[in-house]
């Protein structure tokens, strides 16, 4: 199974550089990388060029015309060569076993989503300025660090290194009795995997969400409507979220699709680009 890791980025080349570095150190090399770039400038392009040769790498760029992430991700899928799609936000650093863990969970009838640890501001500065290799750390190493120095609160609760430890296998796709998994804070976009066939079946991301967050939750809901279950690929797939100021976007997303297919999605974009 060929995996395409699709990294969404916008004008944060230092973060993209760290994410690509962590991907270059994955425990498996059986994947390609597609950088999905929503209108960044020359510095981001130079980062991409520096990493050519570390793995098969494509750079999909679209003009900066607002927050058009759903459209951008669909364009990246059209450029990807893999039969399994693994979406990763450009502010989320993958641990060394990230791709392998997701590939293990890439089973028929399932899509996968994972967890994230939120790094604090000072830890993020070290990761970006010193290439502090937090993606190499074992769960034991994380447990021995002082969590308060490394991680910040999110949603009113402090992150815990326990997200990196396999306490229970609940939600694992390879467990016959596994229940449906919903990631913390209902966030699917930072690490989300689905087969290309299933992605095509639901017509990809709904591009009516351009300008709003929520395209990740929307596609997860539609994949469930199509008959799939969501699984957790385990602690190796937990990503490390870099601290940043949050950009506010309008809070009135479009009405969700009634069925499994996106009303304005991958098929319509393919036809538009071919015209």
Protein backbone atom coordinates (compact mmCIF):
# COMPACT_ATOMS: atom_id res chain seq x y z
CA UNK A 1 0.00 0.00 0.00
CA UNK A 2 1.47 3.32 -1.09
CA UNK A 3 0.77 6.17 1.36
CA UNK A 4 0.58 9.86 0.47
CA UNK A 5 1.25 12.15 3.44
CA UNK A 6 -0.45 15.46 2.66
CA UNK A 7 0.93 18.34 4.76
CA UNK A 8 -1.20 21.51 4.80
CA UNK A 9 0.80 24.71 5.29
CA UNK A 10 0.45 28.47 5.08
CA UNK A 11 3.27 30.99 5.66
CA UNK A 12 5.08 29.19 8.48
CA UNK A 13 8.21 27.83 6.81
CA UNK A 14 10.04 27.16 10.10
CA UNK A 15 7.27 24.82 11.22
CA UNK A 16 7.11 23.13 7.82
CA UNK A 17 10.88 22.56 7.95
CA UNK A 18 10.57 20.73 11.30
CA UNK A 19 7.60 18.66 10.10
CA UNK A 20 9.51 17.58 6.98
CA UNK A 21 12.57 16.79 9.10
CA UNK A 22 10.46 14.54 11.34
CA UNK A 23 8.96 12.85 8.28
CA UNK A 24 12.47 12.21 6.94
CA UNK A 25 13.20 10.22 10.13
CA UNK A 26 10.13 7.99 10.03
CA UNK A 27 10.58 4.31 10.85
CA UNK A 28 9.22 3.45 7.39
CA UNK A 29 10.17 5.01 4.06
CA UNK A 30 7.17 3.65 2.15
CA UNK A 31 5.38 6.95 1.58
CA UNK A 32 5.44 10.13 -0.46
CA UNK A 33 4.89 13.68 0.78
CA UNK A 34 2.63 16.28 -0.82
CA UNK A 35 2.99 19.79 0.61
CA UNK A 36 -0.37 21.50 0.22
CA UNK A 37 0.44 25.21 0.24
CA UNK A 38 -2.32 27.82 0.51
CA UNK A 39 -0.46 30.70 -1.12
CA UNK A 40 2.80 30.93 0.85
CA UNK A 41 5.80 32.85 -0.46
CA UNK A 42 9.32 32.06 -1.61
CA UNK A 43 10.68 31.07 1.80
CA UNK A 44 8.24 28.15 2.00
CA UNK A 45 9.19 27.13 -1.55
CA UNK A 46 12.86 27.09 -0.50
CA UNK A 47 12.05 24.83 2.46
CA UNK A 48 10.33 22.39 0.11
CA UNK A 49 13.30 22.41 -2.26
CA UNK A 50 15.71 21.66 0.60
CA UNK A 51 13.86 18.44 1.37
CA UNK A 52 13.65 17.11 -2.18
CA UNK A 53 15.64 13.90 -2.22
CA UNK A 54 14.74 12.92 1.34
CA UNK A 55 11.54 11.34 -0.02
CA UNK A 56 9.25 11.63 -3.02
CA UNK A 57 7.97 15.18 -2.67
CA UNK A 58 5.34 17.23 -4.48
CA UNK A 59 4.55 20.91 -3.87
CA UNK A 60 0.93 21.84 -4.62
CA UNK A 61 0.44 25.62 -4.45
CA UNK A 62 -2.66 27.72 -4.89
CA UNK A 63 -2.99 31.54 -4.74
CA UNK A 64 -3.81 33.11 -1.39
CA UNK A 65 -7.47 34.02 -1.84
CA UNK A 66 -8.60 33.50 1.75
CA UNK A 67 -8.94 30.37 3.87
CA UNK A 68 -9.46 27.76 1.13
CA UNK A 69 -8.16 24.69 2.94
CA UNK A 70 -10.86 22.29 1.74
CA UNK A 71 -10.16 23.16 -1.89
CA UNK A 72 -6.40 22.96 -1.30
CA UNK A 73 -6.58 19.48 0.24
CA UNK A 74 -8.69 18.22 -2.66
CA UNK A 75 -6.10 19.63 -5.09
CA UNK A 76 -3.35 17.86 -3.17
CA UNK A 77 -5.23 14.56 -3.42
CA UNK A 78 -5.47 14.99 -7.20
CA UNK A 79 -1.67 15.36 -7.28
CA UNK A 80 -0.99 12.48 -4.88
CA UNK A 81 0.04 9.06 -6.15
CA UNK A 82 -0.82 6.92 -3.13
CA UNK A 83 -3.80 4.68 -2.58
CA UNK A 84 -3.94 5.71 1.10
CA UNK A 85 -4.21 9.37 2.10
CA UNK A 86 -2.75 10.63 5.38
CA UNK A 87 -3.52 14.28 6.15
CA UNK A 88 -1.26 16.18 8.54
CA UNK A 89 -1.49 19.83 9.59
CA UNK A 90 1.71 21.80 9.03
CA UNK A 91 1.87 22.82 12.71
CA UNK A 92 1.83 19.20 13.92
CA UNK A 93 5.14 17.35 14.25
CA UNK A 94 4.83 13.57 13.74
CA UNK A 95 6.62 11.12 16.02
CA UNK A 96 8.96 8.57 14.42
CA UNK A 97 6.37 5.80 14.29
CA UNK A 98 3.57 8.02 12.97
CA UNK A 99 3.32 6.74 9.39
CA UNK A 100 3.83 3.08 10.41
CA UNK A 101 1.10 3.30 13.05
CA UNK A 102 -1.39 4.77 10.60
CA UNK A 103 -0.50 2.19 7.95
CA UNK A 104 -1.17 -0.59 10.47
CA UNK A 105 -4.62 0.87 11.09
CA UNK A 106 -5.41 1.28 7.38
CA UNK A 107 -7.88 -1.59 7.26
CA UNK A 108 -11.00 -2.03 5.13
CA UNK A 109 -14.07 -0.47 6.71
CA UNK A 110 -12.09 2.05 8.75
CA UNK A 111 -10.66 5.52 8.64
CA UNK A 112 -8.32 6.72 11.39
CA UNK A 113 -7.79 9.82 13.51
CA UNK A 114 -5.31 10.47 16.26
CA UNK A 115 -4.44 12.62 19.25
CA UNK A 116 -2.12 15.57 19.79
CA UNK A 117 -0.05 17.02 22.58
CA UNK A 118 0.05 20.82 22.70
CA UNK A 119 3.56 22.15 23.15
CA UNK A 120 4.01 25.33 25.14
CA UNK A 121 5.43 28.56 23.73
CA UNK A 122 8.96 28.10 25.08
CA UNK A 123 9.13 24.45 23.97
CA UNK A 124 7.91 25.45 20.52
CA UNK A 125 10.64 28.08 20.24
CA UNK A 126 13.27 25.42 21.01
CA UNK A 127 11.81 22.99 18.48
CA UNK A 128 11.86 25.66 15.77
CA UNK A 129 15.16 27.38 16.57
CA UNK A 130 17.26 24.42 17.70
CA UNK A 131 15.50 21.56 15.87
CA UNK A 132 14.93 20.15 19.38
CA UNK A 133 14.09 16.54 18.40
CA UNK A 134 10.92 15.95 20.43
CA UNK A 135 9.67 13.64 17.66
CA UNK A 136 12.42 11.15 18.59
CA UNK A 137 11.49 10.94 22.27
CA UNK A 138 10.08 7.72 23.67
CA UNK A 139 7.05 7.65 25.95
CA UNK A 140 9.42 7.09 28.89
CA UNK A 141 11.42 10.16 27.94
CA UNK A 142 8.22 12.22 27.82
CA UNK A 143 7.15 10.92 31.22
CA UNK A 144 10.48 11.94 32.74
CA UNK A 145 10.26 15.48 31.43
CA UNK A 146 8.40 18.13 33.42
CA UNK A 147 5.07 18.36 31.57
CA UNK A 148 4.44 21.93 32.70
CA UNK A 149 7.59 23.12 30.97
CA UNK A 150 6.71 21.44 27.70
CA UNK A 151 2.97 21.47 27.29
CA UNK A 152 0.22 24.02 27.53
CA UNK A 153 -3.41 23.80 28.47
CA UNK A 154 -5.98 23.21 25.77
CA UNK A 155 -9.72 23.28 26.26
CA UNK A 156 -9.21 24.11 29.94
CA UNK A 157 -7.19 20.96 30.62
CA UNK A 158 -3.46 20.37 30.74
CA UNK A 159 -2.05 17.87 28.26
CA UNK A 160 -0.55 14.71 29.70
CA UNK A 161 2.17 12.45 28.27
CA UNK A 162 -0.28 9.58 28.80
CA UNK A 163 -1.46 10.25 25.24
CA UNK A 164 1.83 8.63 24.22
CA UNK A 165 1.28 5.45 26.25
CA UNK A 166 -0.89 2.53 25.11
CA UNK A 167 -2.92 2.16 28.31
CA UNK A 168 -5.89 0.64 26.50
CA UNK A 169 -6.52 -0.61 22.99
CA UNK A 170 -10.03 0.80 22.86
CA UNK A 171 -10.80 2.09 19.37
CA UNK A 172 -8.03 0.23 17.57
CA UNK A 173 -9.12 -0.89 14.07
CA UNK A 174 -7.50 -4.32 14.49
CA UNK A 175 -9.56 -5.09 17.62
CA UNK A 176 -12.75 -6.94 16.51
CA UNK A 177 -14.90 -5.36 19.20
CA UNK A 178 -13.44 -1.87 18.90
CA UNK A 179 -15.94 0.93 19.18
CA UNK A 180 -16.04 4.09 17.16
CA UNK A 181 -13.24 6.51 18.09
CA UNK A 182 -13.71 10.26 18.43
CA UNK A 183 -10.51 12.27 18.97
CA UNK A 184 -10.19 14.79 21.82
CA UNK A 185 -11.79 18.18 21.15
CA UNK A 186 -13.51 16.58 18.10
CA UNK A 187 -10.42 17.45 16.04
CA UNK A 188 -9.74 15.25 13.02
CA UNK A 189 -7.69 17.57 10.82
CA UNK A 190 -4.31 17.36 12.53
CA UNK A 191 -3.85 13.63 11.76
CA UNK A 192 -6.41 11.85 9.62
CA UNK A 193 -6.07 8.80 7.36
CA UNK A 194 -8.45 7.30 4.79
CA UNK A 195 -8.16 5.13 1.70
CA UNK A 196 -8.34 6.92 -1.63
CA UNK A 197 -11.32 4.76 -2.64
CA UNK A 198 -13.29 5.82 0.44
CA UNK A 199 -12.24 9.45 -0.01
CA UNK A 200 -13.47 9.35 -3.61
CA UNK A 201 -16.70 7.67 -2.55
CA UNK A 202 -17.69 10.62 -0.35
CA UNK A 203 -16.43 13.15 -2.94
CA UNK A 204 -13.58 14.41 -0.79
CA UNK A 205 -13.66 17.55 1.32
CA UNK A 206 -16.71 19.77 0.99
CA UNK A 207 -15.42 22.97 -0.59
CA UNK A 208 -18.42 24.91 0.67
CA UNK A 209 -16.38 25.02 3.91
CA UNK A 210 -13.88 27.41 2.29
CA UNK A 211 -13.60 30.31 4.72
CA UNK A 212 -14.58 28.22 7.75
CA UNK A 213 -13.07 25.55 9.94
CA UNK A 214 -14.93 22.27 10.21
CA UNK A 215 -14.08 20.54 6.93
CA UNK A 216 -12.39 17.76 8.93
CA UNK A 217 -15.37 17.05 11.19
CA UNK A 218 -17.66 17.21 8.16
CA UNK A 219 -15.78 14.55 6.18
CA UNK A 220 -15.53 12.32 9.27
CA UNK A 221 -19.30 12.50 9.68
CA UNK A 222 -19.85 11.69 6.00
CA UNK A 223 -17.45 8.75 6.12
CA UNK A 224 -19.50 7.35 8.99
CA UNK A 225 -22.68 7.83 6.97
CA UNK A 226 -20.99 5.87 4.16
CA UNK A 227 -20.58 2.92 6.55
CA UNK A 228 -17.05 3.37 7.87
CA UNK A 229 -15.92 3.44 11.49
CA UNK A 230 -13.19 5.63 12.92
CA UNK A 231 -10.23 3.97 14.63
CA UNK A 232 -7.32 5.16 16.76
CA UNK A 233 -3.96 3.97 15.38
CA UNK A 234 -2.28 4.15 18.78
CA UNK A 235 0.12 6.40 20.70
CA UNK A 236 2.85 6.34 18.06
CA UNK A 237 0.47 8.33 15.87
CA UNK A 238 0.10 11.11 18.47
CA UNK A 239 1.39 14.35 16.96
CA UNK A 240 3.07 17.29 18.72
CA UNK A 241 1.20 20.52 18.10
CA UNK A 242 3.34 23.65 17.91
CA UNK A 243 2.19 26.68 19.85
CA UNK A 244 0.85 29.63 17.87
CA UNK A 245 -1.69 32.40 18.15
CA UNK A 246 -5.04 31.27 16.82
CA UNK A 247 -6.55 33.05 13.85
CA UNK A 248 -10.24 33.72 14.26
CA UNK A 249 -12.50 32.78 11.39
CA UNK A 250 -16.27 33.19 10.90
CA UNK A 251 -18.33 30.91 13.12
CA UNK A 252 -21.15 30.17 10.65
CA UNK A 253 -20.10 27.21 8.49
CA UNK A 254 -22.39 25.88 5.77
CA UNK A 255 -25.13 23.40 6.54
CA UNK A 256 -23.83 19.84 6.60
CA UNK A 257 -24.56 17.59 3.64
CA UNK A 258 -27.57 15.32 4.11
CA UNK A 259 -25.82 12.22 2.80
CA UNK A 260 -22.32 10.84 2.46
CA UNK A 261 -21.28 12.83 -0.64
CA UNK A 262 -19.95 16.37 -0.52
CA UNK A 263 -22.19 18.61 -2.69
CA UNK A 264 -19.13 20.54 -3.87
CA UNK A 265 -16.07 18.39 -3.64
CA UNK A 266 -13.36 16.40 -5.39
CA UNK A 267 -15.32 15.49 -8.50
CA UNK A 268 -16.37 19.08 -9.19
CA UNK A 269 -12.81 20.32 -8.68
CA UNK A 270 -11.44 17.68 -11.05
CA UNK A 271 -13.95 18.78 -13.72
CA UNK A 272 -13.12 22.46 -13.13
CA UNK A 273 -9.38 21.95 -13.50
CA UNK A 274 -9.85 19.81 -16.63
CA UNK A 275 -12.04 22.42 -18.34
